[in-house]
Amino acid sequence: MFRKLSAEFIGTFWLVFAGCGSAVLAAGVPEVGIGFVGVSLAFGLSVLTMAYAVGSISGGHFNPAVTLGLVLAGRAEARELVPYWIAQLLGGVVGAGILYIIASGVAGYTPGGFASNGYDTLSPGGYGMLAALVAEVVLTAVFLLVILGSTSKAAPAGFAPIAIGLSLTLIHLISIPVTNTSVNPARSTAAAIFAQNGAIGQLWLFWLAPLVGAALGALIWRYILAPGEAPEKVGRK
């Protein structure tokens, strides 16, 4: 279990440090900034690279919503849920903390939003709470379908991290204007801790919506798309 939790810690650390780091350090650089397309790619690449690096150890969740979905789909054990969540949260917070140390190395730095998630005045596009809730639920549900489908026994072996990473990239391309994209409570929590824009007060939505979406995606897969699938014979071990 220690190896699994270490892998989840490291993977979530990298997702937050690389993904949020691209937004905080590189997105807004004058003339050479990577913009929201670059940030979307950074999040996708962070998951893709760590899925290949440590996915064989822990399953490569790096996200409390994904862990919940895999448990409900029969791909992970319920006893792993809370330990995985703790490791993911710790990894995310450490990643955000190191990012804060680097970002604050510039004179006059203020964290502002610090790549946090939000709705209404904290939404990049000014989208309201309902729009944010629907977007996060739907996108997390689809993310779980991609994860479960690409790691099923019938899928081509070895390509799951690519599908999952590209899926997360696409999710960010869709929803950065709406919520700055969460679909991951650990990522949202880590950024909100260091943000100075009130994001912590809206954090409830970025736990509730991804968890509901993950449960929805898992149940759709298990009972509609792949009924009768034997959990013990599919997915990563």
Protein backbone atom coordinates (compact mmCIF):
# COMPACT_ATOMS: atom_id res chain seq x y z
CA MET A 1 0.00 0.00 0.00
CA PHE A 2 2.87 2.38 0.77
CA ARG A 3 4.11 2.15 -2.81
CA LYS A 4 0.62 2.84 -4.14
CA LEU A 5 0.13 5.87 -1.91
CA SER A 6 3.59 7.18 -2.80
CA ALA A 7 2.74 6.86 -6.49
CA GLU A 8 -0.53 8.75 -5.99
CA PHE A 9 1.27 11.46 -4.01
CA ILE A 10 3.91 11.91 -6.70
CA GLY A 11 1.42 11.79 -9.57
CA THR A 12 -0.90 14.36 -8.01
CA PHE A 13 2.07 16.52 -7.05
CA TRP A 14 3.14 16.58 -10.70
CA LEU A 15 -0.35 17.27 -11.99
CA VAL A 16 -0.78 20.31 -9.74
CA PHE A 17 2.77 21.58 -10.05
CA ALA A 18 2.93 21.20 -13.83
CA GLY A 19 -0.66 22.06 -14.68
CA CYS A 20 -1.17 24.96 -12.31
CA GLY A 21 2.46 25.96 -12.80
CA SER A 22 1.88 26.44 -16.52
CA ALA A 23 -1.01 28.78 -15.69
CA VAL A 24 0.77 30.71 -12.94
CA LEU A 25 4.25 30.96 -14.48
CA ALA A 26 3.83 30.74 -18.25
CA ALA A 27 0.30 31.52 -19.43
CA GLY A 28 0.42 35.28 -19.08
CA VAL A 29 4.01 36.03 -20.05
CA PRO A 30 3.93 38.95 -22.53
CA GLU A 31 4.44 37.95 -26.18
CA VAL A 32 5.60 34.40 -25.38
CA GLY A 33 2.85 33.24 -22.99
CA ILE A 34 1.38 29.84 -23.70
CA GLY A 35 -2.25 30.92 -23.17
CA PHE A 36 -5.11 28.63 -22.18
CA VAL A 37 -4.31 26.18 -24.99
CA GLY A 38 -0.87 25.67 -23.52
CA VAL A 39 -2.30 25.27 -20.03
CA SER A 40 -4.75 22.66 -21.34
CA LEU A 41 -1.88 20.71 -22.89
CA ALA A 42 0.15 20.98 -19.68
CA PHE A 43 -2.60 19.37 -17.61
CA GLY A 44 -3.07 16.61 -20.17
CA LEU A 45 0.66 15.96 -20.45
CA SER A 46 1.08 15.87 -16.67
CA VAL A 47 -1.42 13.02 -16.42
CA LEU A 48 -0.09 11.24 -19.50
CA THR A 49 3.51 11.26 -18.28
CA MET A 50 2.72 10.15 -14.73
CA ALA A 51 0.28 7.49 -15.92
CA TYR A 52 3.18 5.90 -17.80
CA ALA A 53 5.62 6.53 -14.96
CA VAL A 54 3.69 5.24 -11.94
CA GLY A 55 0.32 4.06 -13.27
CA SER A 56 1.40 0.45 -13.05
CA ILE A 57 1.95 0.90 -9.31
CA SER A 58 -1.23 2.64 -8.15
CA GLY A 59 -3.50 2.69 -11.18
CA GLY A 60 -2.65 6.33 -11.88
CA HIS A 61 -5.71 8.02 -10.37
CA PHE A 62 -4.19 11.34 -9.15
CA ASN A 63 -7.72 12.57 -8.49
CA PRO A 64 -10.23 11.79 -5.67
CA ALA A 65 -13.10 11.79 -8.17
CA VAL A 66 -11.36 9.19 -10.33
CA THR A 67 -10.70 6.98 -7.31
CA LEU A 68 -14.38 7.16 -6.33
CA GLY A 69 -15.43 6.34 -9.88
CA LEU A 70 -13.12 3.36 -10.12
CA VAL A 71 -14.39 2.03 -6.79
CA LEU A 72 -18.01 2.32 -7.97
CA ALA A 73 -17.12 0.68 -11.29
CA GLY A 74 -15.51 -2.25 -9.48
CA ARG A 75 -12.02 -1.41 -10.67
CA ALA A 76 -10.60 -0.41 -7.27
CA GLU A 77 -11.13 -1.60 -3.71
CA ALA A 78 -13.29 0.49 -1.37
CA ARG A 79 -10.67 0.22 1.38
CA GLU A 80 -8.26 2.21 -0.80
CA LEU A 81 -10.60 5.19 -1.19
CA VAL A 82 -9.71 7.26 1.88
CA PRO A 83 -5.95 6.49 1.85
CA TYR A 84 -5.81 7.45 -1.85
CA TRP A 85 -7.70 10.68 -1.17
CA ILE A 86 -5.27 11.61 1.60
CA ALA A 87 -2.22 10.90 -0.58
CA GLN A 88 -3.71 12.86 -3.48
CA LEU A 89 -4.56 15.86 -1.31
CA LEU A 90 -1.10 15.91 0.26
CA GLY A 91 0.59 15.60 -3.12
CA GLY A 92 -1.51 18.43 -4.54
CA VAL A 93 -0.86 20.75 -1.61
CA VAL A 94 2.88 20.10 -1.73
CA GLY A 95 2.88 20.76 -5.48
CA ALA A 96 1.00 24.04 -5.00
CA GLY A 97 3.27 25.00 -2.10
CA ILE A 98 6.45 24.55 -4.12
CA LEU A 99 4.84 26.43 -7.01
CA TYR A 100 4.01 29.29 -4.64
CA ILE A 101 7.64 29.46 -3.45
CA ILE A 102 8.85 29.72 -7.06
CA ALA A 103 6.16 32.17 -8.20
CA SER A 104 6.71 34.47 -5.23
CA GLY A 105 10.38 34.82 -6.13
CA VAL A 106 9.50 37.88 -8.25
CA ALA A 107 9.44 41.25 -6.50
CA GLY A 108 5.92 42.50 -5.85
CA TYR A 109 4.28 39.14 -6.53
CA THR A 110 0.69 38.61 -5.40
CA PRO A 111 -0.93 35.19 -5.85
CA GLY A 112 -4.34 36.48 -6.91
CA GLY A 113 -6.33 33.55 -8.28
CA PHE A 114 -3.30 31.21 -8.31
CA ALA A 115 -4.94 28.99 -10.97
CA SER A 116 -7.89 28.35 -8.64
CA ASN A 117 -11.39 27.36 -9.70
CA GLY A 118 -14.54 29.40 -9.31
CA TYR A 119 -17.90 30.64 -10.57
CA ASP A 120 -19.62 34.04 -10.83
CA THR A 121 -16.92 36.67 -10.22
CA LEU A 122 -14.25 33.94 -9.92
CA SER A 123 -15.12 32.38 -13.28
CA PRO A 124 -12.75 33.47 -16.08
CA GLY A 125 -15.77 34.05 -18.31
CA GLY A 126 -18.19 35.20 -15.62
CA TYR A 127 -20.27 31.99 -15.69
CA GLY A 128 -22.71 31.40 -12.83
CA MET A 129 -22.95 28.62 -10.28
CA LEU A 130 -25.38 26.42 -12.25
CA ALA A 131 -23.26 26.57 -15.39
CA ALA A 132 -20.17 25.66 -13.35
CA LEU A 133 -21.98 22.80 -11.62
CA VAL A 134 -23.30 21.31 -14.86
CA ALA A 135 -19.96 21.66 -16.65
CA GLU A 136 -18.00 19.97 -13.88
CA VAL A 137 -20.49 17.11 -13.50
CA VAL A 138 -20.72 16.37 -17.22
CA LEU A 139 -17.02 16.69 -17.96
CA THR A 140 -16.00 14.52 -15.00
CA ALA A 141 -18.54 11.88 -16.05
CA VAL A 142 -17.10 11.79 -19.56
CA PHE A 143 -13.57 11.69 -18.14
CA LEU A 144 -14.49 8.55 -16.18
CA LEU A 145 -15.98 6.96 -19.29
CA VAL A 146 -12.72 7.58 -21.16
CA ILE A 147 -10.67 6.16 -18.28
CA LEU A 148 -12.83 3.06 -17.91
CA GLY A 149 -13.09 2.46 -21.64
CA SER A 150 -9.41 2.95 -22.43
CA THR A 151 -8.33 0.67 -19.55
CA SER A 152 -10.86 -2.07 -20.26
CA LYS A 153 -9.75 -5.50 -21.36
CA ALA A 154 -11.11 -4.90 -24.86
CA ALA A 155 -9.07 -1.71 -25.42
CA PRO A 156 -5.65 -1.78 -27.12
CA ALA A 157 -2.97 -2.30 -24.50
CA GLY A 158 -0.55 0.49 -23.66
CA PHE A 159 -2.52 3.41 -25.10
CA ALA A 160 -4.73 4.31 -22.13
CA PRO A 161 -2.49 7.13 -20.82
CA ILE A 162 -2.61 8.83 -24.23
CA ALA A 163 -6.41 8.69 -24.38
CA ILE A 164 -6.73 9.88 -20.79
CA GLY A 165 -4.20 12.70 -21.21
CA LEU A 166 -5.81 13.94 -24.42
CA SER A 167 -9.23 13.72 -22.79
CA LEU A 168 -8.07 15.94 -19.93
CA THR A 169 -6.60 18.38 -22.46
CA LEU A 170 -9.92 18.57 -24.28
CA ILE A 171 -11.79 19.03 -21.01
CA HIS A 172 -9.60 22.03 -20.21
CA LEU A 173 -10.08 23.50 -23.68
CA ILE A 174 -13.84 23.38 -23.08
CA SER A 175 -14.09 24.54 -19.50
CA ILE A 176 -11.24 26.90 -18.66
CA PRO A 177 -13.51 29.85 -19.54
CA VAL A 178 -16.27 28.44 -17.31
CA THR A 179 -14.57 27.34 -14.08
CA ASN A 180 -10.85 27.39 -14.90
CA THR A 181 -11.39 23.59 -14.99
CA SER A 182 -11.36 21.37 -11.96
CA VAL A 183 -12.75 17.84 -12.48
CA ASN A 184 -10.32 17.10 -9.63
CA PRO A 185 -11.00 18.04 -5.98
CA ALA A 186 -7.33 17.66 -4.99
CA ARG A 187 -6.23 20.12 -7.68
CA SER A 188 -8.95 22.59 -6.64
CA THR A 189 -8.15 22.33 -2.94
CA ALA A 190 -4.41 22.79 -3.47
CA ALA A 191 -4.84 25.94 -5.56
CA ALA A 192 -7.54 27.44 -3.32
CA ILE A 193 -5.29 27.21 -0.25
CA PHE A 194 -2.77 29.61 -1.81
CA ALA A 195 -5.15 31.82 -3.79
CA GLN A 196 -6.13 35.22 -2.44
CA ASN A 197 -9.43 35.70 -4.24
CA GLY A 198 -11.94 33.89 -2.04
CA ALA A 199 -11.73 30.59 -3.96
CA ILE A 200 -11.77 28.62 -0.72
CA GLY A 201 -15.38 29.72 -0.19
CA GLN A 202 -16.46 28.11 -3.47
CA LEU A 203 -14.45 24.93 -2.99
CA TRP A 204 -17.57 22.94 -2.04
CA LEU A 205 -18.72 22.95 -5.68
CA PHE A 206 -15.38 21.60 -6.89
CA TRP A 207 -15.72 18.64 -4.55
CA LEU A 208 -19.42 18.00 -5.05
CA ALA A 209 -19.60 18.27 -8.85
CA PRO A 210 -16.57 16.09 -9.72
CA LEU A 211 -17.61 13.41 -7.23
CA VAL A 212 -21.17 13.34 -8.58
CA GLY A 213 -19.88 13.32 -12.16
CA ALA A 214 -17.43 10.51 -11.43
CA ALA A 215 -20.16 8.42 -9.83
CA LEU A 216 -22.44 9.05 -12.80
CA GLY A 217 -19.76 8.08 -15.33
CA ALA A 218 -18.85 4.95 -13.39
CA LEU A 219 -22.45 3.78 -13.13
CA ILE A 220 -23.11 4.45 -16.82
CA TRP A 221 -20.08 2.36 -17.72
CA ARG A 222 -20.83 -0.47 -15.31
CA TYR A 223 -24.53 -0.88 -15.95
CA ILE A 224 -25.11 0.46 -19.48
CA LEU A 225 -21.96 0.35 -21.59
CA ALA A 226 -20.30 -2.72 -20.10
CA PRO A 227 -22.84 -4.73 -18.09
CA GLY A 228 -21.46 -8.04 -16.93
CA GLU A 229 -17.86 -6.88 -17.18
CA ALA A 230 -15.85 -8.79 -14.61
CA PRO A 231 -13.89 -6.18 -12.63
CA GLU A 232 -11.26 -8.65 -11.52
CA LYS A 233 -10.35 -9.38 -15.15
CA VAL A 234 -9.99 -5.86 -16.47
CA GLY A 235 -8.16 -2.65 -15.75
CA ARG A 236 -4.74 -2.13 -14.26
CA LYS A 237 -3.65 -4.31 -11.39
